[in-house]
Amino acid sequence: MTRTTERRRGVAKPLQPTPKTVPAIPATSAHSIVPAGTGLLDIPAAAQLLNIPEGALRKSVSARRVPHTRLGKHVRFAPHHIEAIVAAGEQEIVAPPRTSSGTGRSRL
């Protein structure tokens, strides 16, 4: 049961319907960490999204180790820049070295 009017100081006016669920923000791709509709991010927002210290990101930008866009003196990151930073940091799984005798010691 919903109310259609609200009484305030003797004046009745219709209530606005409230949404029952808030839709989730869809990602740009299946494995994306950047929400869809995200524009350019500044350094603090990008660092928070990447879960790294802001100073580390600033150093990487000044050394030109990460992709970014400069708008005058301002540094911004597009969603594809964030994806490239994450992809560049991925590490391959390496199997541990095998030992021949099982003791782990070399025979030298």
PDB file of N, CA and C in Angstrom:
ATOM      1  N   MET A   1       0.848  -1.163   0.000  1.00  0.00           N
ATOM      2  CA  MET A   1       0.000   0.000   0.000  1.00  0.00           C
ATOM      3  C   MET A   1       0.899   1.233   0.000  1.00  0.00           C
ATOM      4  N   THR A   2       0.656   2.149  -0.909  1.00  0.00           N
ATOM      5  CA  THR A   2       1.456   3.366  -0.998  1.00  0.00           C
ATOM      6  C   THR A   2       0.574   4.577  -0.832  1.00  0.00           C
ATOM      7  N   ARG A   3       1.156   5.622  -0.285  1.00  0.00           N
ATOM      8  CA  ARG A   3       0.421   6.878  -0.160  1.00  0.00           C
ATOM      9  C   ARG A   3       0.633   7.691  -1.426  1.00  0.00           C
ATOM     10  N   THR A   4      -0.385   8.358  -1.863  1.00  0.00           N
ATOM     11  CA  THR A   4      -0.263   9.166  -3.069  1.00  0.00           C
ATOM     12  C   THR A   4      -0.118  10.641  -2.756  1.00  0.00           C
ATOM     13  N   THR A   5      -0.420  11.027  -1.539  1.00  0.00           N
ATOM     14  CA  THR A   5      -0.295  12.439  -1.196  1.00  0.00           C
ATOM     15  C   THR A   5       0.401  12.580   0.144  1.00  0.00           C
ATOM     16  N   GLU A   6       0.971  13.706   0.342  1.00  0.00           N
ATOM     17  CA  GLU A   6       1.621  14.031   1.605  1.00  0.00           C
ATOM     18  C   GLU A   6       1.010  15.326   2.102  1.00  0.00           C
ATOM     19  N   ARG A   7       0.652  15.360   3.359  1.00  0.00           N
ATOM     20  CA  ARG A   7       0.045  16.567   3.909  1.00  0.00           C
ATOM     21  C   ARG A   7       1.098  17.350   4.665  1.00  0.00           C
ATOM     22  N   ARG A   8       1.302  18.561   4.239  1.00  0.00           N
ATOM     23  CA  ARG A   8       2.238  19.448   4.895  1.00  0.00           C
ATOM     24  C   ARG A   8       1.603  20.828   4.934  1.00  0.00           C
ATOM     25  N   ARG A   9       1.378  21.331   6.129  1.00  0.00           N
ATOM     26  CA  ARG A   9       0.754  22.635   6.335  1.00  0.00           C
ATOM     27  C   ARG A   9      -0.581  22.748   5.614  1.00  0.00           C
ATOM     28  N   GLY A  10      -1.304  21.647   5.564  1.00  0.00           N
ATOM     29  CA  GLY A  10      -2.630  21.692   4.980  1.00  0.00           C
ATOM     30  C   GLY A  10      -2.659  21.606   3.462  1.00  0.00           C
ATOM     31  N   VAL A  11      -1.501  21.437   2.813  1.00  0.00           N
ATOM     32  CA  VAL A  11      -1.459  21.356   1.355  1.00  0.00           C
ATOM     33  C   VAL A  11      -1.088  19.928   0.966  1.00  0.00           C
ATOM     34  N   ALA A  12      -1.888  19.336   0.104  1.00  0.00           N
ATOM     35  CA  ALA A  12      -1.620  17.975  -0.350  1.00  0.00           C
ATOM     36  C   ALA A  12      -0.860  18.033  -1.665  1.00  0.00           C
ATOM     37  N   LYS A  13       0.237  17.276  -1.739  1.00  0.00           N
ATOM     38  CA  LYS A  13       0.960  17.182  -3.008  1.00  0.00           C
ATOM     39  C   LYS A  13       1.382  15.735  -3.219  1.00  0.00           C
ATOM     40  N   PRO A  14       1.491  15.307  -4.460  1.00  0.00           N
ATOM     41  CA  PRO A  14       1.814  13.904  -4.730  1.00  0.00           C
ATOM     42  C   PRO A  14       3.260  13.581  -4.321  1.00  0.00           C
ATOM     43  N   LEU A  15       3.466  12.359  -3.818  1.00  0.00           N
ATOM     44  CA  LEU A  15       4.796  11.882  -3.473  1.00  0.00           C
ATOM     45  C   LEU A  15       5.489  11.353  -4.724  1.00  0.00           C
ATOM     46  N   GLN A  16       6.775  11.508  -4.762  1.00  0.00           N
ATOM     47  CA  GLN A  16       7.542  10.932  -5.859  1.00  0.00           C
ATOM     48  C   GLN A  16       7.793   9.451  -5.556  1.00  0.00           C
ATOM     49  N   PRO A  17       7.665   8.595  -6.548  1.00  0.00           N
ATOM     50  CA  PRO A  17       7.929   7.176  -6.293  1.00  0.00           C
ATOM     51  C   PRO A  17       9.416   6.962  -6.006  1.00  0.00           C
ATOM     52  N   THR A  18       9.706   6.085  -5.068  1.00  0.00           N
ATOM     53  CA  THR A  18      11.091   5.785  -4.741  1.00  0.00           C
ATOM     54  C   THR A  18      11.483   4.488  -5.417  1.00  0.00           C
ATOM     55  N   PRO A  19      12.695   4.425  -5.969  1.00  0.00           N
ATOM     56  CA  PRO A  19      13.117   3.184  -6.623  1.00  0.00           C
ATOM     57  C   PRO A  19      13.338   2.094  -5.584  1.00  0.00           C
ATOM     58  N   LYS A  20      12.941   0.884  -5.917  1.00  0.00           N
ATOM     59  CA  LYS A  20      13.084  -0.227  -4.990  1.00  0.00           C
ATOM     60  C   LYS A  20      14.497  -0.786  -5.015  1.00  0.00           C
ATOM     61  N   THR A  21      15.148  -0.792  -6.159  1.00  0.00           N
ATOM     62  CA  THR A  21      16.521  -1.272  -6.268  1.00  0.00           C
ATOM     63  C   THR A  21      17.340  -0.270  -7.062  1.00  0.00           C
ATOM     64  N   VAL A  22      18.588  -0.182  -6.717  1.00  0.00           N
ATOM     65  CA  VAL A  22      19.506   0.677  -7.447  1.00  0.00           C
ATOM     66  C   VAL A  22      20.311  -0.219  -8.371  1.00  0.00           C
ATOM     67  N   PRO A  23      20.268   0.037  -9.681  1.00  0.00           N
ATOM     68  CA  PRO A  23      21.005  -0.837 -10.588  1.00  0.00           C
ATOM     69  C   PRO A  23      22.514  -0.694 -10.390  1.00  0.00           C
ATOM     70  N   ALA A  24      23.217  -1.800 -10.529  1.00  0.00           N
ATOM     71  CA  ALA A  24      24.672  -1.787 -10.404  1.00  0.00           C
ATOM     72  C   ALA A  24      25.277  -1.104 -11.623  1.00  0.00           C
ATOM     73  N   ILE A  25      26.415  -0.494 -11.432  1.00  0.00           N
ATOM     74  CA  ILE A  25      27.111   0.154 -12.543  1.00  0.00           C
ATOM     75  C   ILE A  25      27.802  -0.931 -13.355  1.00  0.00           C
ATOM     76  N   PRO A  26      27.439  -1.092 -14.623  1.00  0.00           N
ATOM     77  CA  PRO A  26      28.075  -2.143 -15.415  1.00  0.00           C
ATOM     78  C   PRO A  26      29.515  -1.776 -15.745  1.00  0.00           C
ATOM     79  N   ALA A  27      30.370  -2.768 -15.802  1.00  0.00           N
ATOM     80  CA  ALA A  27      31.772  -2.548 -16.153  1.00  0.00           C
ATOM     81  C   ALA A  27      31.900  -2.412 -17.665  1.00  0.00           C
ATOM     82  N   THR A  28      33.024  -1.826 -18.117  1.00  0.00           N
ATOM     83  CA  THR A  28      33.220  -1.621 -19.542  1.00  0.00           C
ATOM     84  C   THR A  28      33.517  -2.927 -20.256  1.00  0.00           C
ATOM     85  N   SER A  29      34.106  -3.903 -19.583  1.00  0.00           N
ATOM     86  CA  SER A  29      34.325  -5.217 -20.162  1.00  0.00           C
ATOM     87  C   SER A  29      34.168  -6.251 -19.056  1.00  0.00           C
ATOM     88  N   ALA A  30      34.293  -7.518 -19.410  1.00  0.00           N
ATOM     89  CA  ALA A  30      34.076  -8.573 -18.430  1.00  0.00           C
ATOM     90  C   ALA A  30      35.101  -8.531 -17.297  1.00  0.00           C
ATOM     91  N   HIS A  31      36.323  -8.077 -17.572  1.00  0.00           N
ATOM     92  CA  HIS A  31      37.384  -8.074 -16.566  1.00  0.00           C
ATOM     93  C   HIS A  31      37.826  -6.667 -16.213  1.00  0.00           C
ATOM     94  N   SER A  32      37.007  -5.697 -16.429  1.00  0.00           N
ATOM     95  CA  SER A  32      37.385  -4.312 -16.212  1.00  0.00           C
ATOM     96  C   SER A  32      37.291  -3.941 -14.742  1.00  0.00           C
ATOM     97  N   ILE A  33      38.241  -3.119 -14.278  1.00  0.00           N
ATOM     98  CA  ILE A  33      38.177  -2.620 -12.915  1.00  0.00           C
ATOM     99  C   ILE A  33      37.622  -1.209 -12.885  1.00  0.00           C
ATOM    100  N   VAL A  34      37.451  -0.609 -14.059  1.00  0.00           N
ATOM    101  CA  VAL A  34      36.950   0.757 -14.148  1.00  0.00           C
ATOM    102  C   VAL A  34      35.458   0.710 -14.455  1.00  0.00           C
ATOM    103  N   PRO A  35      34.608   1.329 -13.625  1.00  0.00           N
ATOM    104  CA  PRO A  35      33.172   1.318 -13.889  1.00  0.00           C
ATOM    105  C   PRO A  35      32.836   2.024 -15.200  1.00  0.00           C
ATOM    106  N   ALA A  36      31.792   1.560 -15.865  1.00  0.00           N
ATOM    107  CA  ALA A  36      31.348   2.187 -17.110  1.00  0.00           C
ATOM    108  C   ALA A  36      30.888   3.608 -16.827  1.00  0.00           C
ATOM    109  N   GLY A  37      31.093   4.470 -17.772  1.00  0.00           N
ATOM    110  CA  GLY A  37      30.674   5.854 -17.618  1.00  0.00           C
ATOM    111  C   GLY A  37      31.679   6.701 -16.859  1.00  0.00           C
ATOM    112  N   THR A  38      32.796   6.105 -16.468  1.00  0.00           N
ATOM    113  CA  THR A  38      33.818   6.861 -15.769  1.00  0.00           C
ATOM    114  C   THR A  38      34.589   7.682 -16.784  1.00  0.00           C
ATOM    115  N   GLY A  39      34.701   8.954 -16.542  1.00  0.00           N
ATOM    116  CA  GLY A  39      35.468   9.818 -17.428  1.00  0.00           C
ATOM    117  C   GLY A  39      36.933   9.773 -17.062  1.00  0.00           C
ATOM    118  N   LEU A  40      37.590  10.883 -17.241  1.00  0.00           N
ATOM    119  CA  LEU A  40      39.000  10.959 -16.892  1.00  0.00           C
ATOM    120  C   LEU A  40      39.156  11.045 -15.376  1.00  0.00           C
ATOM    121  N   LEU A  41      40.151  10.346 -14.861  1.00  0.00           N
ATOM    122  CA  LEU A  41      40.420  10.333 -13.427  1.00  0.00           C
ATOM    123  C   LEU A  41      41.671  11.143 -13.132  1.00  0.00           C
ATOM    124  N   ASP A  42      41.677  11.856 -12.006  1.00  0.00           N
ATOM    125  CA  ASP A  42      42.894  12.543 -11.592  1.00  0.00           C
ATOM    126  C   ASP A  42      43.760  11.563 -10.807  1.00  0.00           C
ATOM    127  N   ILE A  43      44.932  12.011 -10.363  1.00  0.00           N
ATOM    128  CA  ILE A  43      45.876  11.115  -9.704  1.00  0.00           C
ATOM    129  C   ILE A  43      45.303  10.509  -8.419  1.00  0.00           C
ATOM    130  N   PRO A  44      44.688  11.295  -7.524  1.00  0.00           N
ATOM    131  CA  PRO A  44      44.140  10.664  -6.317  1.00  0.00           C
ATOM    132  C   PRO A  44      43.075   9.602  -6.607  1.00  0.00           C
ATOM    133  N   ALA A  45      42.202   9.862  -7.553  1.00  0.00           N
ATOM    134  CA  ALA A  45      41.145   8.893  -7.879  1.00  0.00           C
ATOM    135  C   ALA A  45      41.730   7.642  -8.528  1.00  0.00           C
ATOM    136  N   ALA A  46      42.712   7.822  -9.411  1.00  0.00           N
ATOM    137  CA  ALA A  46      43.337   6.670 -10.061  1.00  0.00           C
ATOM    138  C   ALA A  46      44.116   5.837  -9.049  1.00  0.00           C
ATOM    139  N   ALA A  47      44.819   6.497  -8.129  1.00  0.00           N
ATOM    140  CA  ALA A  47      45.571   5.776  -7.102  1.00  0.00           C
ATOM    141  C   ALA A  47      44.631   4.987  -6.202  1.00  0.00           C
ATOM    142  N   GLN A  48      43.495   5.573  -5.869  1.00  0.00           N
ATOM    143  CA  GLN A  48      42.521   4.869  -5.040  1.00  0.00           C
ATOM    144  C   GLN A  48      41.958   3.668  -5.781  1.00  0.00           C
ATOM    145  N   LEU A  49      41.664   3.829  -7.062  1.00  0.00           N
ATOM    146  CA  LEU A  49      41.126   2.740  -7.869  1.00  0.00           C
ATOM    147  C   LEU A  49      42.138   1.603  -8.005  1.00  0.00           C
ATOM    148  N   LEU A  50      43.418   1.962  -8.163  1.00  0.00           N
ATOM    149  CA  LEU A  50      44.473   0.965  -8.300  1.00  0.00           C
ATOM    150  C   LEU A  50      44.937   0.420  -6.949  1.00  0.00           C
ATOM    151  N   ASN A  51      44.488   1.039  -5.864  1.00  0.00           N
ATOM    152  CA  ASN A  51      44.855   0.643  -4.508  1.00  0.00           C
ATOM    153  C   ASN A  51      46.373   0.737  -4.294  1.00  0.00           C
ATOM    154  N   ILE A  52      46.948   1.857  -4.725  1.00  0.00           N
ATOM    155  CA  ILE A  52      48.369   2.128  -4.526  1.00  0.00           C
ATOM    156  C   ILE A  52      48.509   3.519  -3.926  1.00  0.00           C
ATOM    157  N   PRO A  53      49.648   3.816  -3.300  1.00  0.00           N
ATOM    158  CA  PRO A  53      49.836   5.162  -2.748  1.00  0.00           C
ATOM    159  C   PRO A  53      49.860   6.221  -3.847  1.00  0.00           C
ATOM    160  N   GLU A  54      49.300   7.362  -3.547  1.00  0.00           N
ATOM    161  CA  GLU A  54      49.248   8.461  -4.507  1.00  0.00           C
ATOM    162  C   GLU A  54      50.652   8.892  -4.920  1.00  0.00           C
ATOM    163  N   GLY A  55      51.583   8.924  -3.970  1.00  0.00           N
ATOM    164  CA  GLY A  55      52.963   9.319  -4.267  1.00  0.00           C
ATOM    165  C   GLY A  55      53.644   8.378  -5.249  1.00  0.00           C
ATOM    166  N   ALA A  56      53.353   7.086  -5.133  1.00  0.00           N
ATOM    167  CA  ALA A  56      53.936   6.113  -6.060  1.00  0.00           C
ATOM    168  C   ALA A  56      53.437   6.351  -7.483  1.00  0.00           C
ATOM    169  N   LEU A  57      52.161   6.680  -7.606  1.00  0.00           N
ATOM    170  CA  LEU A  57      51.605   6.961  -8.932  1.00  0.00           C
ATOM    171  C   LEU A  57      52.193   8.253  -9.494  1.00  0.00           C
ATOM    172  N   ARG A  58      52.353   9.271  -8.646  1.00  0.00           N
ATOM    173  CA  ARG A  58      52.969  10.524  -9.094  1.00  0.00           C
ATOM    174  C   ARG A  58      54.395  10.300  -9.604  1.00  0.00           C
ATOM    175  N   LYS A  59      55.176   9.476  -8.888  1.00  0.00           N
ATOM    176  CA  LYS A  59      56.549   9.180  -9.318  1.00  0.00           C
ATOM    177  C   LYS A  59      56.555   8.439 -10.647  1.00  0.00           C
ATOM    178  N   SER A  60      55.636   7.497 -10.815  1.00  0.00           N
ATOM    179  CA  SER A  60      55.554   6.751 -12.071  1.00  0.00           C
ATOM    180  C   SER A  60      55.168   7.656 -13.231  1.00  0.00           C
ATOM    181  N   VAL A  61      54.295   8.636 -12.969  1.00  0.00           N
ATOM    182  CA  VAL A  61      53.899   9.589 -14.013  1.00  0.00           C
ATOM    183  C   VAL A  61      55.088  10.471 -14.377  1.00  0.00           C
ATOM    184  N   SER A  62      55.798  10.983 -13.380  1.00  0.00           N
ATOM    185  CA  SER A  62      56.923  11.889 -13.681  1.00  0.00           C
ATOM    186  C   SER A  62      58.050  11.149 -14.384  1.00  0.00           C
ATOM    187  N   ALA A  63      58.200   9.839 -14.126  1.00  0.00           N
ATOM    188  CA  ALA A  63      59.214   9.048 -14.817  1.00  0.00           C
ATOM    189  C   ALA A  63      58.696   8.497 -16.142  1.00  0.00           C
ATOM    190  N   ARG A  64      57.445   8.779 -16.458  1.00  0.00           N
ATOM    191  CA  ARG A  64      56.776   8.318 -17.692  1.00  0.00           C
ATOM    192  C   ARG A  64      56.766   6.795 -17.812  1.00  0.00           C
ATOM    193  N   ARG A  65      56.538   6.118 -16.676  1.00  0.00           N
ATOM    194  CA  ARG A  65      56.462   4.658 -16.672  1.00  0.00           C
ATOM    195  C   ARG A  65      55.039   4.153 -16.847  1.00  0.00           C
ATOM    196  N   VAL A  66      54.045   5.021 -16.701  1.00  0.00           N
ATOM    197  CA  VAL A  66      52.646   4.615 -16.846  1.00  0.00           C
ATOM    198  C   VAL A  66      51.969   5.508 -17.886  1.00  0.00           C
ATOM    199  N   PRO A  67      51.016   4.952 -18.637  1.00  0.00           N
ATOM    200  CA  PRO A  67      50.306   5.777 -19.615  1.00  0.00           C
ATOM    201  C   PRO A  67      49.380   6.766 -18.926  1.00  0.00           C
ATOM    202  N   HIS A  68      49.338   7.975 -19.447  1.00  0.00           N
ATOM    203  CA  HIS A  68      48.485   9.025 -18.883  1.00  0.00           C
ATOM    204  C   HIS A  68      48.281  10.108 -19.933  1.00  0.00           C
ATOM    205  N   THR A  69      47.417  11.048 -19.637  1.00  0.00           N
ATOM    206  CA  THR A  69      47.152  12.184 -20.519  1.00  0.00           C
ATOM    207  C   THR A  69      47.429  13.451 -19.738  1.00  0.00           C
ATOM    208  N   ARG A  70      48.109  14.382 -20.360  1.00  0.00           N
ATOM    209  CA  ARG A  70      48.361  15.683 -19.740  1.00  0.00           C
ATOM    210  C   ARG A  70      47.477  16.726 -20.415  1.00  0.00           C
ATOM    211  N   LEU A  71      46.744  17.442 -19.597  1.00  0.00           N
ATOM    212  CA  LEU A  71      45.921  18.551 -20.063  1.00  0.00           C
ATOM    213  C   LEU A  71      46.514  19.803 -19.433  1.00  0.00           C
ATOM    214  N   GLY A  72      47.455  20.389 -20.128  1.00  0.00           N
ATOM    215  CA  GLY A  72      48.198  21.494 -19.533  1.00  0.00           C
ATOM    216  C   GLY A  72      49.069  20.935 -18.435  1.00  0.00           C
ATOM    217  N   LYS A  73      48.920  21.438 -17.225  1.00  0.00           N
ATOM    218  CA  LYS A  73      49.701  20.922 -16.104  1.00  0.00           C
ATOM    219  C   LYS A  73      48.985  19.782 -15.368  1.00  0.00           C
ATOM    220  N   HIS A  74      47.766  19.478 -15.770  1.00  0.00           N
ATOM    221  CA  HIS A  74      46.961  18.465 -15.089  1.00  0.00           C
ATOM    222  C   HIS A  74      47.177  17.088 -15.714  1.00  0.00           C
ATOM    223  N   VAL A  75      47.296  16.075 -14.864  1.00  0.00           N
ATOM    224  CA  VAL A  75      47.468  14.692 -15.308  1.00  0.00           C
ATOM    225  C   VAL A  75      46.146  13.977 -15.124  1.00  0.00           C
ATOM    226  N   ARG A  76      45.720  13.275 -16.155  1.00  0.00           N
ATOM    227  CA  ARG A  76      44.469  12.520 -16.102  1.00  0.00           C
ATOM    228  C   ARG A  76      44.696  11.117 -16.660  1.00  0.00           C
ATOM    229  N   PHE A  77      43.852  10.190 -16.197  1.00  0.00           N
ATOM    230  CA  PHE A  77      43.910   8.807 -16.651  1.00  0.00           C
ATOM    231  C   PHE A  77      42.561   8.423 -17.238  1.00  0.00           C
ATOM    232  N   ALA A  78      42.580   7.932 -18.466  1.00  0.00           N
ATOM    233  CA  ALA A  78      41.376   7.404 -19.106  1.00  0.00           C
ATOM    234  C   ALA A  78      41.223   5.947 -18.661  1.00  0.00           C
ATOM    235  N   PRO A  79      40.029   5.387 -18.799  1.00  0.00           N
ATOM    236  CA  PRO A  79      39.844   3.979 -18.407  1.00  0.00           C
ATOM    237  C   PRO A  79      40.830   3.025 -19.088  1.00  0.00           C
ATOM    238  N   HIS A  80      41.156   3.271 -20.359  1.00  0.00           N
ATOM    239  CA  HIS A  80      42.099   2.368 -21.019  1.00  0.00           C
ATOM    240  C   HIS A  80      43.515   2.525 -20.466  1.00  0.00           C
ATOM    241  N   HIS A  81      43.859   3.682 -19.894  1.00  0.00           N
ATOM    242  CA  HIS A  81      45.155   3.836 -19.232  1.00  0.00           C
ATOM    243  C   HIS A  81      45.213   2.959 -17.979  1.00  0.00           C
ATOM    244  N   ILE A  82      44.142   2.961 -17.204  1.00  0.00           N
ATOM    245  CA  ILE A  82      44.090   2.153 -15.982  1.00  0.00           C
ATOM    246  C   ILE A  82      44.210   0.673 -16.336  1.00  0.00           C
ATOM    247  N   GLU A  83      43.496   0.250 -17.379  1.00  0.00           N
ATOM    248  CA  GLU A  83      43.566  -1.150 -17.813  1.00  0.00           C
ATOM    249  C   GLU A  83      44.984  -1.506 -18.241  1.00  0.00           C
ATOM    250  N   ALA A  84      45.679  -0.599 -18.931  1.00  0.00           N
ATOM    251  CA  ALA A  84      47.048  -0.861 -19.371  1.00  0.00           C
ATOM    252  C   ALA A  84      48.008  -0.956 -18.184  1.00  0.00           C
ATOM    253  N   ILE A  85      47.801  -0.136 -17.166  1.00  0.00           N
ATOM    254  CA  ILE A  85      48.650  -0.185 -15.975  1.00  0.00           C
ATOM    255  C   ILE A  85      48.481  -1.529 -15.271  1.00  0.00           C
ATOM    256  N   VAL A  86      47.249  -1.985 -15.151  1.00  0.00           N
ATOM    257  CA  VAL A  86      46.990  -3.274 -14.510  1.00  0.00           C
ATOM    258  C   VAL A  86      47.582  -4.407 -15.342  1.00  0.00           C
ATOM    259  N   ALA A  87      47.403  -4.357 -16.649  1.00  0.00           N
ATOM    260  CA  ALA A  87      47.928  -5.412 -17.523  1.00  0.00           C
ATOM    261  C   ALA A  87      49.456  -5.465 -17.473  1.00  0.00           C
ATOM    262  N   ALA A  88      50.096  -4.303 -17.388  1.00  0.00           N
ATOM    263  CA  ALA A  88      51.564  -4.266 -17.342  1.00  0.00           C
ATOM    264  C   ALA A  88      52.098  -4.842 -16.032  1.00  0.00           C
ATOM    265  N   GLY A  89      51.302  -4.814 -14.984  1.00  0.00           N
ATOM    266  CA  GLY A  89      51.743  -5.320 -13.701  1.00  0.00           C
ATOM    267  C   GLY A  89      51.481  -6.793 -13.470  1.00  0.00           C
ATOM    268  N   GLU A  90      50.803  -7.445 -14.407  1.00  0.00           N
ATOM    269  CA  GLU A  90      50.503  -8.866 -14.227  1.00  0.00           C
ATOM    270  C   GLU A  90      51.779  -9.695 -14.296  1.00  0.00           C
ATOM    271  N   GLN A  91      51.838 -10.715 -13.461  1.00  0.00           N
ATOM    272  CA  GLN A  91      52.997 -11.605 -13.390  1.00  0.00           C
ATOM    273  C   GLN A  91      52.588 -13.015 -13.789  1.00  0.00           C
ATOM    274  N   GLU A  92      53.474 -13.691 -14.526  1.00  0.00           N
ATOM    275  CA  GLU A  92      53.231 -15.078 -14.913  1.00  0.00           C
ATOM    276  C   GLU A  92      53.481 -15.996 -13.724  1.00  0.00           C
ATOM    277  N   ILE A  93      52.794 -17.116 -13.691  1.00  0.00           N
ATOM    278  CA  ILE A  93      53.021 -18.116 -12.653  1.00  0.00           C
ATOM    279  C   ILE A  93      54.259 -18.900 -13.045  1.00  0.00           C
ATOM    280  N   VAL A  94      55.182 -19.029 -12.102  1.00  0.00           N
ATOM    281  CA  VAL A  94      56.425 -19.749 -12.354  1.00  0.00           C
ATOM    282  C   VAL A  94      56.482 -20.932 -11.410  1.00  0.00           C
ATOM    283  N   ALA A  95      56.808 -22.109 -11.962  1.00  0.00           N
ATOM    284  CA  ALA A  95      56.917 -23.308 -11.139  1.00  0.00           C
ATOM    285  C   ALA A  95      58.199 -23.219 -10.309  1.00  0.00           C
ATOM    286  N   PRO A  96      58.179 -23.745  -9.084  1.00  0.00           N
ATOM    287  CA  PRO A  96      59.396 -23.711  -8.274  1.00  0.00           C
ATOM    288  C   PRO A  96      60.479 -24.582  -8.899  1.00  0.00           C
ATOM    289  N   PRO A  97      61.740 -24.252  -8.691  1.00  0.00           N
ATOM    290  CA  PRO A  97      62.814 -25.058  -9.292  1.00  0.00           C
ATOM    291  C   PRO A  97      62.814 -26.471  -8.715  1.00  0.00           C
ATOM    292  N   ARG A  98      63.159 -27.417  -9.556  1.00  0.00           N
ATOM    293  CA  ARG A  98      63.182 -28.819  -9.143  1.00  0.00           C
ATOM    294  C   ARG A  98      64.551 -29.156  -8.586  1.00  0.00           C
ATOM    295  N   THR A  99      64.571 -29.928  -7.542  1.00  0.00           N
ATOM    296  CA  THR A  99      65.846 -30.391  -6.986  1.00  0.00           C
ATOM    297  C   THR A  99      66.059 -31.833  -7.402  1.00  0.00           C
ATOM    298  N   SER A 100      67.299 -32.193  -7.666  1.00  0.00           N
ATOM    299  CA  SER A 100      67.581 -33.523  -8.170  1.00  0.00           C
ATOM    300  C   SER A 100      67.586 -34.572  -7.068  1.00  0.00           C
ATOM    301  N   SER A 101      68.150 -34.297  -5.923  1.00  0.00           N
ATOM    302  CA  SER A 101      68.255 -35.322  -4.878  1.00  0.00           C
ATOM    303  C   SER A 101      67.194 -35.157  -3.799  1.00  0.00           C
ATOM    304  N   GLY A 102      66.467 -34.065  -3.816  1.00  0.00           N
ATOM    305  CA  GLY A 102      65.431 -33.890  -2.819  1.00  0.00           C
ATOM    306  C   GLY A 102      65.925 -33.160  -1.582  1.00  0.00           C
ATOM    307  N   THR A 103      67.251 -33.000  -1.407  1.00  0.00           N
ATOM    308  CA  THR A 103      67.757 -32.309  -0.225  1.00  0.00           C
ATOM    309  C   THR A 103      67.809 -30.820  -0.426  1.00  0.00           C
ATOM    310  N   GLY A 104      67.809 -30.373  -1.686  1.00  0.00           N
ATOM    311  CA  GLY A 104      67.859 -28.957  -1.972  1.00  0.00           C
ATOM    312  C   GLY A 104      69.279 -28.401  -1.998  1.00  0.00           C
ATOM    313  N   ARG A 105      70.287 -29.250  -1.789  1.00  0.00           N
ATOM    314  CA  ARG A 105      71.685 -28.810  -1.790  1.00  0.00           C
ATOM    315  C   ARG A 105      72.340 -29.092  -3.133  1.00  0.00           C
ATOM    316  N   SER A 106      73.257 -28.273  -3.476  1.00  0.00           N
ATOM    317  CA  SER A 106      74.017 -28.509  -4.697  1.00  0.00           C
ATOM    318  C   SER A 106      75.183 -29.452  -4.401  1.00  0.00           C
ATOM    319  N   ARG A 107      75.646 -30.156  -5.399  1.00  0.00           N
ATOM    320  CA  ARG A 107      76.720 -31.146  -5.186  1.00  0.00           C
ATOM    321  C   ARG A 107      78.102 -30.545  -5.486  1.00  0.00           C
ATOM    322  N   LEU A 108      78.268 -29.285  -5.422  1.00  0.00           N
ATOM    323  CA  LEU A 108      79.570 -28.700  -5.712  1.00  0.00           C
ATOM    324  C   LEU A 108      80.469 -28.861  -4.592  1.00  0.00           C
TER     325      LEU A 108
END
